[in-house]
Amino acid sequence: MPEGDTIWRTAKRMHAALAGDVLATTDFRVPKLATADLTGRRVLEVVARGKHLLARLEDGITVHSHLEMDGSWRVFDAAERWRGGPAHEIRVVLATQHRSAVGYRIPVIDVVETAKEAELVGHLGPDLLDPDFDRDEAVRRLAAASDIAIADALLDQRNLAGIGNVYKSEILFLSGVEPWTAAGRVPALPRMVDLARRLLAANKDRDQRITTGIRRPGEQTWVYGRGGRPCRRCGTPISRRMQGEPGRERVTYWCRRCQR
């Protein structure tokens, strides 16, 4: 699933392509929106809210999308051939005379009144990439999940928005915290939240996600994707195990020695 930095970049690209222009074509290829027509409306902005995308149009209309595991938005020039998958995977098209934003395999698409966006994203915790990020509220929400494993608490977008599975494992490693530790027992939640924000901010403008500071392929993460390989710090083989509620498990990577 795309994480907060990926969604932030997607919003930035879509905003640069569409904002200020009038929609010449809209095509919603999902049953509930089959008759929706937003042509003639000017695009005001495209913004990210955690892992959600909000394309705000004039007349108080918002196109909301969530990419979940496989969705993506691609931006093309007017004369450019669309390439992001076969045509039958296209779910939505927002196009001006100059640019097209094409959504492939997007499972969640809504058209709502901008004033009612909170019905879709109001449950989210503070967004780590929001310039007005509320650190104290994020820490409070994590601490309130006192009996929940810290790995699960970090993934819960109601606590703070933007962390996905890669950042979950990397943040816990860098914090020296074992993933199954109850959130209420983590002594340095404020530092962990600060670290999460720094990591997402450092990666929001680059396509390759790097947490080690090393750009070479295979050396970009500390533990994620490295099950069985030696820990970069102590040499202990990195452990890998599924974690989370039944039916919603996600893989966790950690070092048994560095994260006691």
Protein backbone atom coordinates (compact mmCIF):
# COMPACT_ATOMS: atom_id res chain seq x y z
CA MET A 1 0.00 0.00 0.00
CA PRO A 2 1.40 3.45 -0.87
CA GLU A 3 2.54 5.34 2.21
CA GLY A 4 2.16 9.00 3.07
CA ASP A 5 5.20 10.18 1.15
CA THR A 6 4.01 8.46 -2.05
CA ILE A 7 0.54 10.00 -1.75
CA TRP A 8 2.10 13.42 -1.10
CA ARG A 9 4.12 13.16 -4.33
CA THR A 10 1.07 12.00 -6.25
CA ALA A 11 -0.93 14.98 -5.01
CA LYS A 12 1.92 17.32 -5.94
CA ARG A 13 2.08 15.94 -9.51
CA MET A 14 -1.68 16.09 -9.96
CA HIS A 15 -1.85 19.61 -8.56
CA ALA A 16 0.88 20.81 -10.92
CA ALA A 17 -0.91 19.21 -13.87
CA LEU A 18 -4.51 20.21 -13.17
CA ALA A 19 -4.80 23.11 -10.74
CA GLY A 20 -6.08 26.32 -12.29
CA ASP A 21 -7.41 24.60 -15.42
CA VAL A 22 -10.97 23.65 -16.32
CA LEU A 23 -11.89 20.01 -16.68
CA ALA A 24 -12.62 19.25 -20.33
CA THR A 25 -13.34 15.56 -19.75
CA THR A 26 -14.29 13.46 -16.74
CA ASP A 27 -14.87 9.74 -16.95
CA PHE A 28 -15.81 7.67 -13.90
CA ARG A 29 -15.71 3.95 -14.66
CA VAL A 30 -17.24 2.72 -11.43
CA PRO A 31 -20.94 1.86 -11.19
CA LYS A 32 -21.94 4.31 -8.46
CA LEU A 33 -20.45 7.25 -10.40
CA ALA A 34 -21.25 6.13 -13.94
CA THR A 35 -23.40 9.21 -14.62
CA ALA A 36 -21.18 11.74 -12.83
CA ASP A 37 -20.05 14.62 -15.06
CA LEU A 38 -17.72 17.29 -13.67
CA THR A 39 -16.72 18.89 -16.97
CA GLY A 40 -16.57 22.67 -16.96
CA ARG A 41 -15.39 22.91 -13.35
CA ARG A 42 -12.03 24.44 -12.54
CA VAL A 43 -9.60 22.43 -10.43
CA LEU A 44 -8.66 24.45 -7.37
CA GLU A 45 -6.13 22.13 -5.77
CA VAL A 46 -5.12 18.53 -5.21
CA VAL A 47 -3.99 17.70 -1.68
CA ALA A 48 -3.02 14.65 0.33
CA ARG A 49 -4.56 13.75 3.66
CA GLY A 50 -2.63 10.82 5.05
CA LYS A 51 -3.13 8.09 2.44
CA HIS A 52 -6.16 9.84 0.90
CA LEU A 53 -6.19 12.15 -2.14
CA LEU A 54 -8.58 15.09 -2.42
CA ALA A 55 -9.03 16.89 -5.75
CA ARG A 56 -11.02 20.03 -4.92
CA LEU A 57 -13.02 21.71 -7.68
CA GLU A 58 -14.95 24.94 -7.88
CA ASP A 59 -18.61 24.87 -6.87
CA GLY A 60 -17.64 23.03 -3.70
CA ILE A 61 -17.00 19.57 -5.18
CA THR A 62 -14.25 17.13 -4.16
CA VAL A 63 -13.09 13.98 -5.91
CA HIS A 64 -11.79 11.67 -3.17
CA SER A 65 -9.67 8.58 -3.81
CA HIS A 66 -7.79 5.99 -1.80
CA LEU A 67 -5.28 3.81 -3.63
CA GLU A 68 -5.19 0.93 -1.11
CA MET A 69 -2.78 -1.79 -2.32
CA ASP A 70 -2.72 -1.51 -6.11
CA GLY A 71 -4.14 1.82 -7.21
CA SER A 72 -2.18 4.60 -8.89
CA TRP A 73 -2.69 7.98 -10.53
CA ARG A 74 -0.68 8.73 -13.68
CA VAL A 75 -0.35 12.16 -15.28
CA PHE A 76 0.04 12.58 -19.06
CA ASP A 77 0.34 15.45 -21.53
CA ALA A 78 -2.60 15.87 -23.89
CA ALA A 79 -0.86 14.17 -26.82
CA GLU A 80 0.88 11.52 -24.75
CA ARG A 81 -0.15 7.88 -24.84
CA TRP A 82 -1.57 6.63 -21.54
CA ARG A 83 0.55 3.92 -19.96
CA GLY A 84 -0.17 2.56 -16.55
CA GLY A 85 -1.95 -0.64 -17.39
CA PRO A 86 -4.59 -1.97 -19.78
CA ALA A 87 -7.62 0.21 -20.50
CA HIS A 88 -9.95 -2.04 -18.52
CA GLU A 89 -8.02 -1.14 -15.34
CA ILE A 90 -8.80 2.57 -15.66
CA ARG A 91 -11.30 3.69 -13.02
CA VAL A 92 -11.34 7.47 -13.44
CA VAL A 93 -10.08 10.16 -15.81
CA LEU A 94 -9.81 13.87 -14.96
CA ALA A 95 -8.57 15.79 -17.99
CA THR A 96 -8.05 19.40 -19.01
CA GLN A 97 -7.07 20.55 -22.49
CA HIS A 98 -3.42 20.23 -21.51
CA ARG A 99 -3.08 17.32 -19.07
CA SER A 100 -4.83 14.11 -18.07
CA ALA A 101 -4.80 12.42 -14.66
CA VAL A 102 -5.71 8.76 -15.11
CA GLY A 103 -6.51 6.52 -12.15
CA TYR A 104 -5.64 2.85 -12.53
CA ARG A 105 -7.03 0.08 -10.30
CA ILE A 106 -8.25 2.61 -7.73
CA PRO A 107 -10.69 0.80 -5.44
CA VAL A 108 -12.12 3.81 -3.59
CA ILE A 109 -13.48 6.82 -5.49
CA ASP A 110 -16.08 9.29 -4.24
CA VAL A 111 -17.52 12.59 -5.38
CA VAL A 112 -18.66 14.63 -2.39
CA GLU A 113 -19.33 18.18 -1.33
CA THR A 114 -16.08 19.74 -0.19
CA ALA A 115 -17.84 20.82 3.00
CA LYS A 116 -18.46 17.13 3.76
CA GLU A 117 -14.91 15.84 3.29
CA ALA A 118 -14.76 15.14 7.01
CA GLU A 119 -17.21 12.29 6.51
CA LEU A 120 -14.43 10.52 4.58
CA VAL A 121 -11.23 11.69 6.27
CA GLY A 122 -12.34 13.22 9.55
CA HIS A 123 -11.41 10.06 11.47
CA LEU A 124 -7.74 10.40 10.59
CA GLY A 125 -5.15 11.41 13.12
CA PRO A 126 -2.66 14.24 12.51
CA ASP A 127 -1.02 14.04 9.09
CA LEU A 128 2.75 13.65 9.40
CA LEU A 129 3.35 15.74 6.27
CA ASP A 130 0.92 18.52 7.18
CA PRO A 131 2.79 21.81 7.80
CA ASP A 132 0.45 22.28 10.77
CA PHE A 133 1.10 18.78 12.14
CA ASP A 134 -0.14 18.47 15.74
CA ARG A 135 2.62 16.49 17.45
CA ASP A 136 1.01 16.54 20.88
CA GLU A 137 -2.25 15.14 19.54
CA ALA A 138 -0.43 12.37 17.66
CA VAL A 139 1.45 11.40 20.82
CA ARG A 140 -1.76 11.51 22.84
CA ARG A 141 -3.55 9.20 20.42
CA LEU A 142 -0.69 6.69 20.37
CA ALA A 143 -0.49 6.69 24.15
CA ALA A 144 -4.25 6.16 24.38
CA ALA A 145 -3.81 2.90 22.44
CA SER A 146 -2.06 1.66 25.57
CA ASP A 147 -2.72 -2.08 25.20
CA ILE A 148 -2.16 -2.23 21.43
CA ALA A 149 1.14 -3.44 20.02
CA ILE A 150 3.12 -0.38 18.98
CA ALA A 151 3.52 -1.70 15.42
CA ASP A 152 -0.27 -1.92 15.05
CA ALA A 153 -0.76 1.46 16.72
CA LEU A 154 1.60 3.11 14.22
CA LEU A 155 -0.32 1.63 11.29
CA ASP A 156 -3.69 2.79 12.65
CA GLN A 157 -4.38 5.96 10.66
CA ARG A 158 -6.70 7.16 13.43
CA ASN A 159 -3.62 7.76 15.58
CA LEU A 160 -1.44 9.52 13.04
CA ALA A 161 -1.76 9.50 9.27
CA GLY A 162 0.85 8.48 6.73
CA ILE A 163 2.75 5.52 8.17
CA GLY A 164 2.66 2.27 6.21
CA ASN A 165 4.38 -1.06 6.60
CA VAL A 166 7.84 0.04 5.47
CA TYR A 167 8.01 3.00 7.81
CA LYS A 168 6.50 0.97 10.65
CA SER A 169 9.40 -1.48 10.63
CA GLU A 170 12.06 1.15 10.03
CA ILE A 171 10.81 3.52 12.75
CA LEU A 172 10.69 0.74 15.33
CA PHE A 173 14.21 -0.41 14.45
CA LEU A 174 15.65 3.09 14.67
CA SER A 175 13.82 3.59 17.97
CA GLY A 176 15.10 0.29 19.38
CA VAL A 177 11.56 -0.86 20.19
CA GLU A 178 10.30 -4.43 19.83
CA PRO A 179 7.21 -4.43 17.55
CA TRP A 180 4.95 -6.30 19.99
CA THR A 181 5.56 -3.88 22.86
CA ALA A 182 2.31 -2.33 24.09
CA ALA A 183 2.10 1.30 23.00
CA GLY A 184 1.52 2.35 26.60
CA ARG A 185 4.91 0.89 27.57
CA VAL A 186 6.94 2.77 24.97
CA PRO A 187 8.84 5.42 26.95
CA ALA A 188 9.76 7.78 24.13
CA LEU A 189 6.64 8.22 21.99
CA PRO A 190 7.38 11.91 21.28
CA ARG A 191 10.80 11.03 19.84
CA MET A 192 9.26 8.22 17.81
CA VAL A 193 6.68 10.61 16.33
CA ASP A 194 9.42 13.14 15.53
CA LEU A 195 11.43 10.41 13.81
CA ALA A 196 8.43 9.33 11.75
CA ARG A 197 7.88 12.88 10.57
CA ARG A 198 11.55 13.35 9.65
CA LEU A 199 11.64 10.12 7.64
CA LEU A 200 8.51 10.92 5.63
CA ALA A 201 9.66 14.50 5.03
CA ALA A 202 13.08 13.29 3.86
CA ASN A 203 11.50 10.97 1.30
CA LYS A 204 8.51 12.95 0.07
CA ASP A 205 10.34 14.44 -2.90
CA ARG A 206 12.15 11.32 -4.12
CA ASP A 207 10.87 8.19 -5.79
CA GLN A 208 13.22 5.86 -3.90
CA ARG A 209 12.39 5.47 -0.21
CA ILE A 210 15.62 5.64 1.80
CA THR A 211 15.94 5.33 5.57
CA THR A 212 19.64 4.45 5.86
CA GLY A 213 20.93 7.47 3.95
CA ILE A 214 22.42 5.14 1.34
CA ARG A 215 21.06 5.24 -2.20
CA ARG A 216 22.62 2.02 -3.48
CA PRO A 217 20.04 -0.68 -4.31
CA GLY A 218 19.72 -3.19 -1.51
CA GLU A 219 21.09 -0.80 1.10
CA GLN A 220 18.26 1.66 1.38
CA THR A 221 16.46 0.19 4.43
CA TRP A 222 17.60 -1.06 7.82
CA VAL A 223 15.29 -4.05 8.27
CA TYR A 224 12.34 -3.92 5.86
CA GLY A 225 12.58 -6.61 3.17
CA ARG A 226 15.73 -8.05 4.75
CA GLY A 227 14.39 -11.15 6.52
CA GLY A 228 17.21 -13.60 7.28
CA ARG A 229 19.95 -11.16 6.29
CA PRO A 230 22.37 -9.77 8.91
CA CYS A 231 21.40 -6.68 10.86
CA ARG A 232 23.37 -3.69 9.61
CA ARG A 233 24.26 -2.81 13.19
CA CYS A 234 24.89 -6.07 15.05
CA GLY A 235 24.89 -8.86 12.46
CA THR A 236 21.96 -10.77 13.98
CA PRO A 237 19.71 -12.26 11.26
CA ILE A 238 16.69 -10.01 10.70
CA SER A 239 13.44 -11.64 11.84
CA ARG A 240 10.23 -11.63 9.82
CA ARG A 241 6.73 -12.42 11.10
CA MET A 242 3.13 -11.55 10.27
CA GLN A 243 1.49 -9.23 12.78
CA GLY A 244 -1.97 -7.77 13.29
CA GLU A 245 -5.59 -8.81 13.60
CA PRO A 246 -6.64 -11.98 11.74
CA GLY A 247 -7.43 -11.09 8.16
CA ARG A 248 -5.51 -7.81 8.42
CA GLU A 249 -2.02 -9.12 9.13
CA ARG A 250 1.00 -7.28 7.78
CA VAL A 251 4.60 -8.43 7.69
CA THR A 252 6.94 -7.03 10.33
CA TYR A 253 10.74 -7.04 10.14
CA TRP A 254 12.89 -6.49 13.22
CA CYS A 255 16.22 -7.29 14.89
CA ARG A 256 15.86 -9.41 18.01
CA ARG A 257 19.03 -7.96 19.49
CA CYS A 258 18.71 -4.26 18.63
CA GLN A 259 14.99 -4.14 19.47
CA ARG A 260 14.66 -5.69 22.92
